[in-house]
Amino acid sequence: MRFEHFERGYLLPKGCKDLIDVIGLQPQSKLFLKLPLVHSKPQAGLPLPAASPTPAMKGEIFVSDHTTIKELAALLGQKPSQIIADAMLLGIFATGNQPLAFKPICQIAEKYGYRAKRALSP
């Protein structure tokens, strides 16, 4: 059996034998789309990208140094998966039972309209 998608040049434009030929094509051709370059790699310590303006302050939450993502989600009234996604935007990859540092907690809490403060240790 012979299928045309098994041939080497199936995905190449007509007249091109290799990818080097595709690179040599003129940028005016319809093959290339002009899209803006977007760097999607987040860097630790950067503020969360705001899709909408910061909501009005709803109040304060007091967190300890070992607050987990599940506890933070309960304090903010969000699902743990949403808090994990927010942490990923900050460059922090954590699970629900993993504690967060105070700075990312502050940044995530601000997104939902809360100000985080350290709870005093007994």
PDB file of N, CA and C in Angstrom:
ATOM      1  N   MET A   1       0.837  -1.165   0.000  1.00  0.00           N
ATOM      2  CA  MET A   1       0.000   0.000   0.000  1.00  0.00           C
ATOM      3  C   MET A   1       0.890   1.240   0.000  1.00  0.00           C
ATOM      4  N   ARG A   2       0.444   2.219  -0.718  1.00  0.00           N
ATOM      5  CA  ARG A   2       1.221   3.448  -0.791  1.00  0.00           C
ATOM      6  C   ARG A   2       0.294   4.629  -0.503  1.00  0.00           C
ATOM      7  N   PHE A   3       0.632   5.356   0.528  1.00  0.00           N
ATOM      8  CA  PHE A   3      -0.141   6.530   0.895  1.00  0.00           C
ATOM      9  C   PHE A   3       0.701   7.769   0.625  1.00  0.00           C
ATOM     10  N   GLU A   4       0.065   8.819   0.177  1.00  0.00           N
ATOM     11  CA  GLU A   4       0.833  10.011  -0.155  1.00  0.00           C
ATOM     12  C   GLU A   4       1.400  10.697   1.087  1.00  0.00           C
ATOM     13  N   HIS A   5       0.790  10.487   2.284  1.00  0.00           N
ATOM     14  CA  HIS A   5       1.339  11.128   3.474  1.00  0.00           C
ATOM     15  C   HIS A   5       2.586  10.422   3.996  1.00  0.00           C
ATOM     16  N   PHE A   6       2.943   9.260   3.421  1.00  0.00           N
ATOM     17  CA  PHE A   6       4.188   8.591   3.786  1.00  0.00           C
ATOM     18  C   PHE A   6       5.370   9.166   3.018  1.00  0.00           C
ATOM     19  N   GLU A   7       5.126   9.919   1.977  1.00  0.00           N
ATOM     20  CA  GLU A   7       6.213  10.478   1.201  1.00  0.00           C
ATOM     21  C   GLU A   7       6.883  11.602   1.965  1.00  0.00           C
ATOM     22  N   ARG A   8       8.155  11.836   1.670  1.00  0.00           N
ATOM     23  CA  ARG A   8       8.965  12.775   2.423  1.00  0.00           C
ATOM     24  C   ARG A   8       8.453  14.213   2.330  1.00  0.00           C
ATOM     25  N   GLY A   9       8.024  14.649   1.197  1.00  0.00           N
ATOM     26  CA  GLY A   9       7.656  16.041   1.011  1.00  0.00           C
ATOM     27  C   GLY A   9       6.183  16.320   1.186  1.00  0.00           C
ATOM     28  N   TYR A  10       5.458  15.480   1.890  1.00  0.00           N
ATOM     29  CA  TYR A  10       4.019  15.625   2.021  1.00  0.00           C
ATOM     30  C   TYR A  10       3.621  16.971   2.622  1.00  0.00           C
ATOM     31  N   LEU A  11       4.340  17.428   3.637  1.00  0.00           N
ATOM     32  CA  LEU A  11       3.974  18.661   4.311  1.00  0.00           C
ATOM     33  C   LEU A  11       4.698  19.892   3.766  1.00  0.00           C
ATOM     34  N   LEU A  12       5.579  19.710   2.808  1.00  0.00           N
ATOM     35  CA  LEU A  12       6.324  20.836   2.247  1.00  0.00           C
ATOM     36  C   LEU A  12       5.532  21.494   1.129  1.00  0.00           C
ATOM     37  N   PRO A  13       5.710  22.798   0.953  1.00  0.00           N
ATOM     38  CA  PRO A  13       5.036  23.482  -0.153  1.00  0.00           C
ATOM     39  C   PRO A  13       5.560  22.979  -1.492  1.00  0.00           C
ATOM     40  N   LYS A  14       4.772  23.199  -2.538  1.00  0.00           N
ATOM     41  CA  LYS A  14       5.175  22.745  -3.870  1.00  0.00           C
ATOM     42  C   LYS A  14       6.465  23.443  -4.279  1.00  0.00           C
ATOM     43  N   GLY A  15       7.366  22.670  -4.869  1.00  0.00           N
ATOM     44  CA  GLY A  15       8.644  23.201  -5.325  1.00  0.00           C
ATOM     45  C   GLY A  15       9.735  23.119  -4.280  1.00  0.00           C
ATOM     46  N   CYS A  16       9.446  22.649  -3.063  1.00  0.00           N
ATOM     47  CA  CYS A  16      10.450  22.525  -2.005  1.00  0.00           C
ATOM     48  C   CYS A  16      10.772  21.059  -1.773  1.00  0.00           C
ATOM     49  N   LYS A  17      12.074  20.766  -1.705  1.00  0.00           N
ATOM     50  CA  LYS A  17      12.497  19.394  -1.448  1.00  0.00           C
ATOM     51  C   LYS A  17      12.837  19.167   0.015  1.00  0.00           C
ATOM     52  N   ASP A  18      13.322  20.203   0.701  1.00  0.00           N
ATOM     53  CA  ASP A  18      13.747  20.111   2.094  1.00  0.00           C
ATOM     54  C   ASP A  18      13.258  21.330   2.869  1.00  0.00           C
ATOM     55  N   LEU A  19      13.461  21.288   4.182  1.00  0.00           N
ATOM     56  CA  LEU A  19      13.112  22.437   4.999  1.00  0.00           C
ATOM     57  C   LEU A  19      13.994  23.647   4.686  1.00  0.00           C
ATOM     58  N   ILE A  20      15.208  23.408   4.207  1.00  0.00           N
ATOM     59  CA  ILE A  20      16.091  24.511   3.823  1.00  0.00           C
ATOM     60  C   ILE A  20      15.451  25.311   2.693  1.00  0.00           C
ATOM     61  N   ASP A  21      14.792  24.649   1.765  1.00  0.00           N
ATOM     62  CA  ASP A  21      14.098  25.350   0.688  1.00  0.00           C
ATOM     63  C   ASP A  21      12.958  26.210   1.236  1.00  0.00           C
ATOM     64  N   VAL A  22      12.277  25.727   2.273  1.00  0.00           N
ATOM     65  CA  VAL A  22      11.173  26.481   2.871  1.00  0.00           C
ATOM     66  C   VAL A  22      11.706  27.744   3.538  1.00  0.00           C
ATOM     67  N   ILE A  23      12.858  27.628   4.210  1.00  0.00           N
ATOM     68  CA  ILE A  23      13.450  28.789   4.871  1.00  0.00           C
ATOM     69  C   ILE A  23      13.816  29.851   3.844  1.00  0.00           C
ATOM     70  N   GLY A  24      14.230  29.416   2.651  1.00  0.00           N
ATOM     71  CA  GLY A  24      14.625  30.358   1.624  1.00  0.00           C
ATOM     72  C   GLY A  24      13.467  31.040   0.924  1.00  0.00           C
ATOM     73  N   LEU A  25      12.239  30.651   1.203  1.00  0.00           N
ATOM     74  CA  LEU A  25      11.092  31.290   0.569  1.00  0.00           C
ATOM     75  C   LEU A  25      11.007  32.761   0.964  1.00  0.00           C
ATOM     76  N   GLN A  26      10.461  33.548   0.110  1.00  0.00           N
ATOM     77  CA  GLN A  26      10.309  34.979   0.377  1.00  0.00           C
ATOM     78  C   GLN A  26       9.274  35.185   1.485  1.00  0.00           C
ATOM     79  N   PRO A  27       9.479  36.155   2.392  1.00  0.00           N
ATOM     80  CA  PRO A  27       8.500  36.392   3.454  1.00  0.00           C
ATOM     81  C   PRO A  27       7.146  36.868   2.942  1.00  0.00           C
ATOM     82  N   GLN A  28       7.061  37.290   1.670  1.00  0.00           N
ATOM     83  CA  GLN A  28       5.780  37.749   1.147  1.00  0.00           C
ATOM     84  C   GLN A  28       4.860  36.577   0.802  1.00  0.00           C
ATOM     85  N   SER A  29       5.403  35.371   0.801  1.00  0.00           N
ATOM     86  CA  SER A  29       4.575  34.234   0.413  1.00  0.00           C
ATOM     87  C   SER A  29       3.470  34.009   1.449  1.00  0.00           C
ATOM     88  N   LYS A  30       2.448  33.305   1.047  1.00  0.00           N
ATOM     89  CA  LYS A  30       1.304  33.052   1.913  1.00  0.00           C
ATOM     90  C   LYS A  30       1.621  32.009   2.976  1.00  0.00           C
ATOM     91  N   LEU A  31       2.789  31.371   2.875  1.00  0.00           N
ATOM     92  CA  LEU A  31       3.154  30.336   3.828  1.00  0.00           C
ATOM     93  C   LEU A  31       3.402  30.932   5.220  1.00  0.00           C
ATOM     94  N   PHE A  32       3.985  32.127   5.271  1.00  0.00           N
ATOM     95  CA  PHE A  32       4.345  32.726   6.542  1.00  0.00           C
ATOM     96  C   PHE A  32       3.241  33.656   7.028  1.00  0.00           C
ATOM     97  N   LEU A  33       2.873  33.503   8.261  1.00  0.00           N
ATOM     98  CA  LEU A  33       1.896  34.386   8.883  1.00  0.00           C
ATOM     99  C   LEU A  33       2.645  35.367   9.763  1.00  0.00           C
ATOM    100  N   LYS A  34       2.229  36.603   9.752  1.00  0.00           N
ATOM    101  CA  LYS A  34       2.868  37.592  10.603  1.00  0.00           C
ATOM    102  C   LYS A  34       2.102  37.662  11.915  1.00  0.00           C
ATOM    103  N   LEU A  35       2.681  37.053  12.940  1.00  0.00           N
ATOM    104  CA  LEU A  35       2.076  37.043  14.255  1.00  0.00           C
ATOM    105  C   LEU A  35       2.994  37.768  15.221  1.00  0.00           C
ATOM    106  N   PRO A  36       2.429  38.447  16.219  1.00  0.00           N
ATOM    107  CA  PRO A  36       3.293  39.108  17.194  1.00  0.00           C
ATOM    108  C   PRO A  36       4.007  38.071  18.052  1.00  0.00           C
ATOM    109  N   LEU A  37       5.236  38.357  18.414  1.00  0.00           N
ATOM    110  CA  LEU A  37       5.985  37.459  19.278  1.00  0.00           C
ATOM    111  C   LEU A  37       5.546  37.665  20.712  1.00  0.00           C
ATOM    112  N   VAL A  38       5.208  36.570  21.371  1.00  0.00           N
ATOM    113  CA  VAL A  38       4.781  36.627  22.758  1.00  0.00           C
ATOM    114  C   VAL A  38       5.645  35.656  23.534  1.00  0.00           C
ATOM    115  N   HIS A  39       6.281  36.145  24.573  1.00  0.00           N
ATOM    116  CA  HIS A  39       7.070  35.270  25.430  1.00  0.00           C
ATOM    117  C   HIS A  39       6.168  34.785  26.543  1.00  0.00           C
ATOM    118  N   SER A  40       5.921  33.474  26.584  1.00  0.00           N
ATOM    119  CA  SER A  40       4.979  32.949  27.556  1.00  0.00           C
ATOM    120  C   SER A  40       5.663  32.382  28.788  1.00  0.00           C
ATOM    121  N   LYS A  41       7.002  32.425  28.829  1.00  0.00           N
ATOM    122  CA  LYS A  41       7.682  31.863  29.983  1.00  0.00           C
ATOM    123  C   LYS A  41       7.622  32.854  31.135  1.00  0.00           C
ATOM    124  N   PRO A  42       6.891  32.511  32.222  1.00  0.00           N
ATOM    125  CA  PRO A  42       6.815  33.447  33.335  1.00  0.00           C
ATOM    126  C   PRO A  42       8.112  33.444  34.124  1.00  0.00           C
ATOM    127  N   GLN A  43       8.396  34.525  34.793  1.00  0.00           N
ATOM    128  CA  GLN A  43       9.572  34.615  35.628  1.00  0.00           C
ATOM    129  C   GLN A  43       9.120  34.763  37.060  1.00  0.00           C
ATOM    130  N   ALA A  44       9.843  34.099  37.961  1.00  0.00           N
ATOM    131  CA  ALA A  44       9.481  34.139  39.370  1.00  0.00           C
ATOM    132  C   ALA A  44       9.596  35.569  39.892  1.00  0.00           C
ATOM    133  N   GLY A  45       8.665  35.946  40.720  1.00  0.00           N
ATOM    134  CA  GLY A  45       8.696  37.259  41.332  1.00  0.00           C
ATOM    135  C   GLY A  45       7.967  38.334  40.548  1.00  0.00           C
ATOM    136  N   LEU A  46       7.460  38.001  39.368  1.00  0.00           N
ATOM    137  CA  LEU A  46       6.732  38.987  38.583  1.00  0.00           C
ATOM    138  C   LEU A  46       5.271  39.001  39.022  1.00  0.00           C
ATOM    139  N   PRO A  47       4.604  40.138  38.924  1.00  0.00           N
ATOM    140  CA  PRO A  47       3.188  40.170  39.298  1.00  0.00           C
ATOM    141  C   PRO A  47       2.349  39.351  38.321  1.00  0.00           C
ATOM    142  N   LEU A  48       1.219  38.890  38.792  1.00  0.00           N
ATOM    143  CA  LEU A  48       0.321  38.117  37.943  1.00  0.00           C
ATOM    144  C   LEU A  48      -0.190  38.998  36.806  1.00  0.00           C
ATOM    145  N   PRO A  49      -0.281  38.443  35.594  1.00  0.00           N
ATOM    146  CA  PRO A  49      -0.849  39.233  34.518  1.00  0.00           C
ATOM    147  C   PRO A  49      -2.318  39.515  34.806  1.00  0.00           C
ATOM    148  N   ALA A  50      -2.686  40.749  34.734  1.00  0.00           N
ATOM    149  CA  ALA A  50      -4.054  41.134  35.077  1.00  0.00           C
ATOM    150  C   ALA A  50      -4.924  41.131  33.828  1.00  0.00           C
ATOM    151  N   ALA A  51      -5.916  40.250  33.802  1.00  0.00           N
ATOM    152  CA  ALA A  51      -6.864  40.211  32.700  1.00  0.00           C
ATOM    153  C   ALA A  51      -7.888  41.330  32.873  1.00  0.00           C
ATOM    154  N   SER A  52      -8.116  41.714  34.105  1.00  0.00           N
ATOM    155  CA  SER A  52      -9.049  42.790  34.399  1.00  0.00           C
ATOM    156  C   SER A  52      -8.430  43.646  35.499  1.00  0.00           C
ATOM    157  N   PRO A  53      -8.976  44.827  35.736  1.00  0.00           N
ATOM    158  CA  PRO A  53      -8.423  45.652  36.799  1.00  0.00           C
ATOM    159  C   PRO A  53      -8.517  44.962  38.151  1.00  0.00           C
ATOM    160  N   THR A  54      -7.626  45.332  39.050  1.00  0.00           N
ATOM    161  CA  THR A  54      -7.616  44.728  40.373  1.00  0.00           C
ATOM    162  C   THR A  54      -8.937  45.026  41.076  1.00  0.00           C
ATOM    163  N   PRO A  55      -9.570  43.991  41.652  1.00  0.00           N
ATOM    164  CA  PRO A  55     -10.849  44.230  42.317  1.00  0.00           C
ATOM    165  C   PRO A  55     -10.662  45.059  43.574  1.00  0.00           C
ATOM    166  N   ALA A  56     -11.753  45.643  44.046  1.00  0.00           N
ATOM    167  CA  ALA A  56     -11.715  46.427  45.272  1.00  0.00           C
ATOM    168  C   ALA A  56     -11.343  45.513  46.435  1.00  0.00           C
ATOM    169  N   MET A  57     -10.658  46.081  47.415  1.00  0.00           N
ATOM    170  CA  MET A  57     -10.228  45.280  48.561  1.00  0.00           C
ATOM    171  C   MET A  57     -11.445  44.771  49.331  1.00  0.00           C
ATOM    172  N   LYS A  58     -11.474  43.453  49.524  1.00  0.00           N
ATOM    173  CA  LYS A  58     -12.573  42.831  50.253  1.00  0.00           C
ATOM    174  C   LYS A  58     -12.246  42.708  51.735  1.00  0.00           C
ATOM    175  N   GLY A  59     -10.952  42.663  52.049  1.00  0.00           N
ATOM    176  CA  GLY A  59     -10.569  42.507  53.445  1.00  0.00           C
ATOM    177  C   GLY A  59      -9.154  41.999  53.563  1.00  0.00           C
ATOM    178  N   GLU A  60      -8.840  41.532  54.754  1.00  0.00           N
ATOM    179  CA  GLU A  60      -7.515  41.011  55.038  1.00  0.00           C
ATOM    180  C   GLU A  60      -7.612  39.543  55.417  1.00  0.00           C
ATOM    181  N   ILE A  61      -6.575  38.803  55.075  1.00  0.00           N
ATOM    182  CA  ILE A  61      -6.475  37.419  55.521  1.00  0.00           C
ATOM    183  C   ILE A  61      -5.161  37.285  56.274  1.00  0.00           C
ATOM    184  N   PHE A  62      -5.168  36.479  57.297  1.00  0.00           N
ATOM    185  CA  PHE A  62      -3.973  36.237  58.082  1.00  0.00           C
ATOM    186  C   PHE A  62      -3.486  34.836  57.785  1.00  0.00           C
ATOM    187  N   VAL A  63      -2.233  34.737  57.361  1.00  0.00           N
ATOM    188  CA  VAL A  63      -1.670  33.445  56.973  1.00  0.00           C
ATOM    189  C   VAL A  63      -0.390  33.201  57.752  1.00  0.00           C
ATOM    190  N   SER A  64      -0.122  31.931  58.020  1.00  0.00           N
ATOM    191  CA  SER A  64       1.126  31.564  58.688  1.00  0.00           C
ATOM    192  C   SER A  64       2.203  31.328  57.625  1.00  0.00           C
ATOM    193  N   ASP A  65       3.409  31.036  58.098  1.00  0.00           N
ATOM    194  CA  ASP A  65       4.516  30.801  57.171  1.00  0.00           C
ATOM    195  C   ASP A  65       4.367  29.493  56.403  1.00  0.00           C
ATOM    196  N   HIS A  66       3.551  28.593  56.896  1.00  0.00           N
ATOM    197  CA  HIS A  66       3.402  27.280  56.265  1.00  0.00           C
ATOM    198  C   HIS A  66       1.986  27.068  55.725  1.00  0.00           C
ATOM    199  N   THR A  67       1.413  28.079  55.118  1.00  0.00           N
ATOM    200  CA  THR A  67       0.064  27.976  54.550  1.00  0.00           C
ATOM    201  C   THR A  67       0.128  27.210  53.240  1.00  0.00           C
ATOM    202  N   THR A  68      -0.694  26.169  53.125  1.00  0.00           N
ATOM    203  CA  THR A  68      -0.711  25.363  51.904  1.00  0.00           C
ATOM    204  C   THR A  68      -1.663  25.982  50.886  1.00  0.00           C
ATOM    205  N   ILE A  69      -1.606  25.455  49.695  1.00  0.00           N
ATOM    206  CA  ILE A  69      -2.470  25.949  48.625  1.00  0.00           C
ATOM    207  C   ILE A  69      -3.939  25.683  48.951  1.00  0.00           C
ATOM    208  N   LYS A  70      -4.227  24.526  49.529  1.00  0.00           N
ATOM    209  CA  LYS A  70      -5.619  24.219  49.899  1.00  0.00           C
ATOM    210  C   LYS A  70      -6.138  25.185  50.954  1.00  0.00           C
ATOM    211  N   GLU A  71      -5.302  25.501  51.945  1.00  0.00           N
ATOM    212  CA  GLU A  71      -5.720  26.440  52.982  1.00  0.00           C
ATOM    213  C   GLU A  71      -5.930  27.836  52.400  1.00  0.00           C
ATOM    214  N   LEU A  72      -5.033  28.252  51.510  1.00  0.00           N
ATOM    215  CA  LEU A  72      -5.171  29.562  50.878  1.00  0.00           C
ATOM    216  C   LEU A  72      -6.441  29.623  50.025  1.00  0.00           C
ATOM    217  N   ALA A  73      -6.730  28.537  49.307  1.00  0.00           N
ATOM    218  CA  ALA A  73      -7.946  28.494  48.492  1.00  0.00           C
ATOM    219  C   ALA A  73      -9.189  28.632  49.370  1.00  0.00           C
ATOM    220  N   ALA A  74      -9.176  27.986  50.537  1.00  0.00           N
ATOM    221  CA  ALA A  74     -10.322  28.086  51.445  1.00  0.00           C
ATOM    222  C   ALA A  74     -10.465  29.508  51.980  1.00  0.00           C
ATOM    223  N   LEU A  75      -9.339  30.148  52.290  1.00  0.00           N
ATOM    224  CA  LEU A  75      -9.393  31.525  52.794  1.00  0.00           C
ATOM    225  C   LEU A  75      -9.916  32.492  51.740  1.00  0.00           C
ATOM    226  N   LEU A  76      -9.544  32.253  50.480  1.00  0.00           N
ATOM    227  CA  LEU A  76      -9.936  33.157  49.398  1.00  0.00           C
ATOM    228  C   LEU A  76     -11.275  32.798  48.768  1.00  0.00           C
ATOM    229  N   GLY A  77     -11.830  31.642  49.130  1.00  0.00           N
ATOM    230  CA  GLY A  77     -13.104  31.215  48.554  1.00  0.00           C
ATOM    231  C   GLY A  77     -12.957  30.756  47.107  1.00  0.00           C
ATOM    232  N   GLN A  78     -11.828  30.176  46.765  1.00  0.00           N
ATOM    233  CA  GLN A  78     -11.558  29.695  45.409  1.00  0.00           C
ATOM    234  C   GLN A  78     -11.286  28.201  45.446  1.00  0.00           C
ATOM    235  N   LYS A  79     -11.257  27.595  44.274  1.00  0.00           N
ATOM    236  CA  LYS A  79     -10.898  26.189  44.169  1.00  0.00           C
ATOM    237  C   LYS A  79      -9.370  26.065  44.225  1.00  0.00           C
ATOM    238  N   PRO A  80      -8.860  24.985  44.824  1.00  0.00           N
ATOM    239  CA  PRO A  80      -7.405  24.804  44.865  1.00  0.00           C
ATOM    240  C   PRO A  80      -6.763  24.774  43.480  1.00  0.00           C
ATOM    241  N   SER A  81      -7.474  24.241  42.494  1.00  0.00           N
ATOM    242  CA  SER A  81      -6.912  24.189  41.135  1.00  0.00           C
ATOM    243  C   SER A  81      -6.694  25.596  40.576  1.00  0.00           C
ATOM    244  N   GLN A  82      -7.558  26.544  40.935  1.00  0.00           N
ATOM    245  CA  GLN A  82      -7.387  27.926  40.487  1.00  0.00           C
ATOM    246  C   GLN A  82      -6.167  28.565  41.145  1.00  0.00           C
ATOM    247  N   ILE A  83      -5.946  28.271  42.419  1.00  0.00           N
ATOM    248  CA  ILE A  83      -4.785  28.810  43.129  1.00  0.00           C
ATOM    249  C   ILE A  83      -3.506  28.194  42.575  1.00  0.00           C
ATOM    250  N   ILE A  84      -3.543  26.908  42.226  1.00  0.00           N
ATOM    251  CA  ILE A  84      -2.386  26.255  41.599  1.00  0.00           C
ATOM    252  C   ILE A  84      -2.078  26.919  40.264  1.00  0.00           C
ATOM    253  N   ALA A  85      -3.112  27.234  39.493  1.00  0.00           N
ATOM    254  CA  ALA A  85      -2.913  27.915  38.207  1.00  0.00           C
ATOM    255  C   ALA A  85      -2.311  29.300  38.408  1.00  0.00           C
ATOM    256  N   ASP A  86      -2.773  30.013  39.426  1.00  0.00           N
ATOM    257  CA  ASP A  86      -2.213  31.340  39.722  1.00  0.00           C
ATOM    258  C   ASP A  86      -0.749  31.227  40.135  1.00  0.00           C
ATOM    259  N   ALA A  87      -0.428  30.197  40.909  1.00  0.00           N
ATOM    260  CA  ALA A  87       0.969  29.982  41.310  1.00  0.00           C
ATOM    261  C   ALA A  87       1.839  29.651  40.097  1.00  0.00           C
ATOM    262  N   MET A  88       1.279  28.901  39.154  1.00  0.00           N
ATOM    263  CA  MET A  88       2.029  28.577  37.935  1.00  0.00           C
ATOM    264  C   MET A  88       2.331  29.830  37.130  1.00  0.00           C
ATOM    265  N   LEU A  89       1.411  30.787  37.115  1.00  0.00           N
ATOM    266  CA  LEU A  89       1.668  32.048  36.415  1.00  0.00           C
ATOM    267  C   LEU A  89       2.820  32.811  37.058  1.00  0.00           C
ATOM    268  N   LEU A  90       3.058  32.553  38.330  1.00  0.00           N
ATOM    269  CA  LEU A  90       4.176  33.179  39.027  1.00  0.00           C
ATOM    270  C   LEU A  90       5.461  32.368  38.886  1.00  0.00           C
ATOM    271  N   GLY A  91       5.383  31.214  38.218  1.00  0.00           N
ATOM    272  CA  GLY A  91       6.562  30.364  38.047  1.00  0.00           C
ATOM    273  C   GLY A  91       6.760  29.380  39.178  1.00  0.00           C
ATOM    274  N   ILE A  92       5.717  29.154  39.984  1.00  0.00           N
ATOM    275  CA  ILE A  92       5.797  28.224  41.106  1.00  0.00           C
ATOM    276  C   ILE A  92       4.929  27.018  40.790  1.00  0.00           C
ATOM    277  N   PHE A  93       5.543  25.853  40.756  1.00  0.00           N
ATOM    278  CA  PHE A  93       4.811  24.626  40.464  1.00  0.00           C
ATOM    279  C   PHE A  93       4.674  23.847  41.764  1.00  0.00           C
ATOM    280  N   ALA A  94       3.455  23.830  42.295  1.00  0.00           N
ATOM    281  CA  ALA A  94       3.205  23.217  43.591  1.00  0.00           C
ATOM    282  C   ALA A  94       1.916  22.412  43.540  1.00  0.00           C
ATOM    283  N   THR A  95       1.794  21.501  44.492  1.00  0.00           N
ATOM    284  CA  THR A  95       0.565  20.713  44.613  1.00  0.00           C
ATOM    285  C   THR A  95      -0.295  21.321  45.712  1.00  0.00           C
ATOM    286  N   GLY A  96      -1.463  20.748  45.940  1.00  0.00           N
ATOM    287  CA  GLY A  96      -2.404  21.297  46.905  1.00  0.00           C
ATOM    288  C   GLY A  96      -1.923  21.259  48.337  1.00  0.00           C
ATOM    289  N   ASN A  97      -1.081  20.286  48.692  1.00  0.00           N
ATOM    290  CA  ASN A  97      -0.622  20.153  50.068  1.00  0.00           C
ATOM    291  C   ASN A  97       0.722  20.813  50.309  1.00  0.00           C
ATOM    292  N   GLN A  98       1.241  21.494  49.317  1.00  0.00           N
ATOM    293  CA  GLN A  98       2.556  22.099  49.438  1.00  0.00           C
ATOM    294  C   GLN A  98       2.437  23.535  49.966  1.00  0.00           C
ATOM    295  N   PRO A  99       3.285  23.912  50.941  1.00  0.00           N
ATOM    296  CA  PRO A  99       3.207  25.281  51.459  1.00  0.00           C
ATOM    297  C   PRO A  99       3.805  26.288  50.473  1.00  0.00           C
ATOM    298  N   LEU A 100       3.288  27.503  50.526  1.00  0.00           N
ATOM    299  CA  LEU A 100       3.783  28.589  49.683  1.00  0.00           C
ATOM    300  C   LEU A 100       4.527  29.602  50.543  1.00  0.00           C
ATOM    301  N   ALA A 101       5.441  30.309  49.925  1.00  0.00           N
ATOM    302  CA  ALA A 101       6.126  31.404  50.608  1.00  0.00           C
ATOM    303  C   ALA A 101       5.158  32.580  50.753  1.00  0.00           C
ATOM    304  N   PHE A 102       5.520  33.525  51.603  1.00  0.00           N
ATOM    305  CA  PHE A 102       4.605  34.625  51.896  1.00  0.00           C
ATOM    306  C   PHE A 102       4.412  35.560  50.708  1.00  0.00           C
ATOM    307  N   LYS A 103       5.465  35.843  49.953  1.00  0.00           N
ATOM    308  CA  LYS A 103       5.366  36.784  48.833  1.00  0.00           C
ATOM    309  C   LYS A 103       4.378  36.316  47.758  1.00  0.00           C
ATOM    310  N   PRO A 104       4.455  35.037  47.294  1.00  0.00           N
ATOM    311  CA  PRO A 104       3.445  34.588  46.324  1.00  0.00           C
ATOM    312  C   PRO A 104       2.030  34.575  46.898  1.00  0.00           C
ATOM    313  N   ILE A 105       1.918  34.306  48.192  1.00  0.00           N
ATOM    314  CA  ILE A 105       0.591  34.335  48.820  1.00  0.00           C
ATOM    315  C   ILE A 105       0.013  35.746  48.723  1.00  0.00           C
ATOM    316  N   CYS A 106       0.846  36.757  48.974  1.00  0.00           N
ATOM    317  CA  CYS A 106       0.396  38.146  48.883  1.00  0.00           C
ATOM    318  C   CYS A 106      -0.062  38.482  47.466  1.00  0.00           C
ATOM    319  N   GLN A 107       0.712  38.037  46.464  1.00  0.00           N
ATOM    320  CA  GLN A 107       0.377  38.343  45.074  1.00  0.00           C
ATOM    321  C   GLN A 107      -0.921  37.660  44.647  1.00  0.00           C
ATOM    322  N   ILE A 108      -1.101  36.417  45.068  1.00  0.00           N
ATOM    323  CA  ILE A 108      -2.329  35.691  44.710  1.00  0.00           C
ATOM    324  C   ILE A 108      -3.523  36.293  45.434  1.00  0.00           C
ATOM    325  N   ALA A 109      -3.345  36.653  46.709  1.00  0.00           N
ATOM    326  CA  ALA A 109      -4.452  37.236  47.477  1.00  0.00           C
ATOM    327  C   ALA A 109      -4.884  38.576  46.882  1.00  0.00           C
ATOM    328  N   GLU A 110      -3.924  39.368  46.392  1.00  0.00           N
ATOM    329  CA  GLU A 110      -4.261  40.657  45.788  1.00  0.00           C
ATOM    330  C   GLU A 110      -5.121  40.485  44.545  1.00  0.00           C
ATOM    331  N   LYS A 111      -4.882  39.398  43.818  1.00  0.00           N
ATOM    332  CA  LYS A 111      -5.669  39.142  42.614  1.00  0.00           C
ATOM    333  C   LYS A 111      -7.154  38.992  42.950  1.00  0.00           C
ATOM    334  N   TYR A 112      -7.445  38.451  44.129  1.00  0.00           N
ATOM    335  CA  TYR A 112      -8.833  38.216  44.522  1.00  0.00           C
ATOM    336  C   TYR A 112      -9.364  39.287  45.469  1.00  0.00           C
ATOM    337  N   GLY A 113      -8.600  40.362  45.655  1.00  0.00           N
ATOM    338  CA  GLY A 113      -9.095  41.486  46.430  1.00  0.00           C
ATOM    339  C   GLY A 113      -8.829  41.402  47.918  1.00  0.00           C
ATOM    340  N   TYR A 114      -7.856  40.632  48.342  1.00  0.00           N
ATOM    341  CA  TYR A 114      -7.524  40.510  49.758  1.00  0.00           C
ATOM    342  C   TYR A 114      -6.093  40.970  50.013  1.00  0.00           C
ATOM    343  N   ARG A 115      -5.850  41.455  51.188  1.00  0.00           N
ATOM    344  CA  ARG A 115      -4.502  41.816  51.612  1.00  0.00           C
ATOM    345  C   ARG A 115      -4.051  40.753  52.611  1.00  0.00           C
ATOM    346  N   ALA A 116      -2.907  40.133  52.315  1.00  0.00           N
ATOM    347  CA  ALA A 116      -2.391  39.069  53.181  1.00  0.00           C
ATOM    348  C   ALA A 116      -1.477  39.671  54.231  1.00  0.00           C
ATOM    349  N   LYS A 117      -1.629  39.195  55.454  1.00  0.00           N
ATOM    350  CA  LYS A 117      -0.768  39.600  56.554  1.00  0.00           C
ATOM    351  C   LYS A 117      -0.299  38.332  57.275  1.00  0.00           C
ATOM    352  N   ARG A 118       0.904  38.439  57.827  1.00  0.00           N
ATOM    353  CA  ARG A 118       1.447  37.295  58.571  1.00  0.00           C
ATOM    354  C   ARG A 118       0.702  37.155  59.906  1.00  0.00           C
ATOM    355  N   ALA A 119       0.349  35.916  60.210  1.00  0.00           N
ATOM    356  CA  ALA A 119      -0.269  35.647  61.508  1.00  0.00           C
ATOM    357  C   ALA A 119       0.842  35.547  62.542  1.00  0.00           C
ATOM    358  N   LEU A 120       0.578  36.080  63.718  1.00  0.00           N
ATOM    359  CA  LEU A 120       1.582  36.018  64.786  1.00  0.00           C
ATOM    360  C   LEU A 120       1.668  34.606  65.322  1.00  0.00           C
ATOM    361  N   SER A 121       2.892  34.149  65.510  1.00  0.00           N
ATOM    362  CA  SER A 121       3.106  32.800  66.046  1.00  0.00           C
ATOM    363  C   SER A 121       2.962  32.833  67.559  1.00  0.00           C
ATOM    364  N   PRO A 122       2.335  31.786  68.144  1.00  0.00           N
ATOM    365  CA  PRO A 122       2.163  31.772  69.605  1.00  0.00           C
ATOM    366  C   PRO A 122       3.449  31.462  70.326  1.00  0.00           C
TER     367      PRO A 122
END
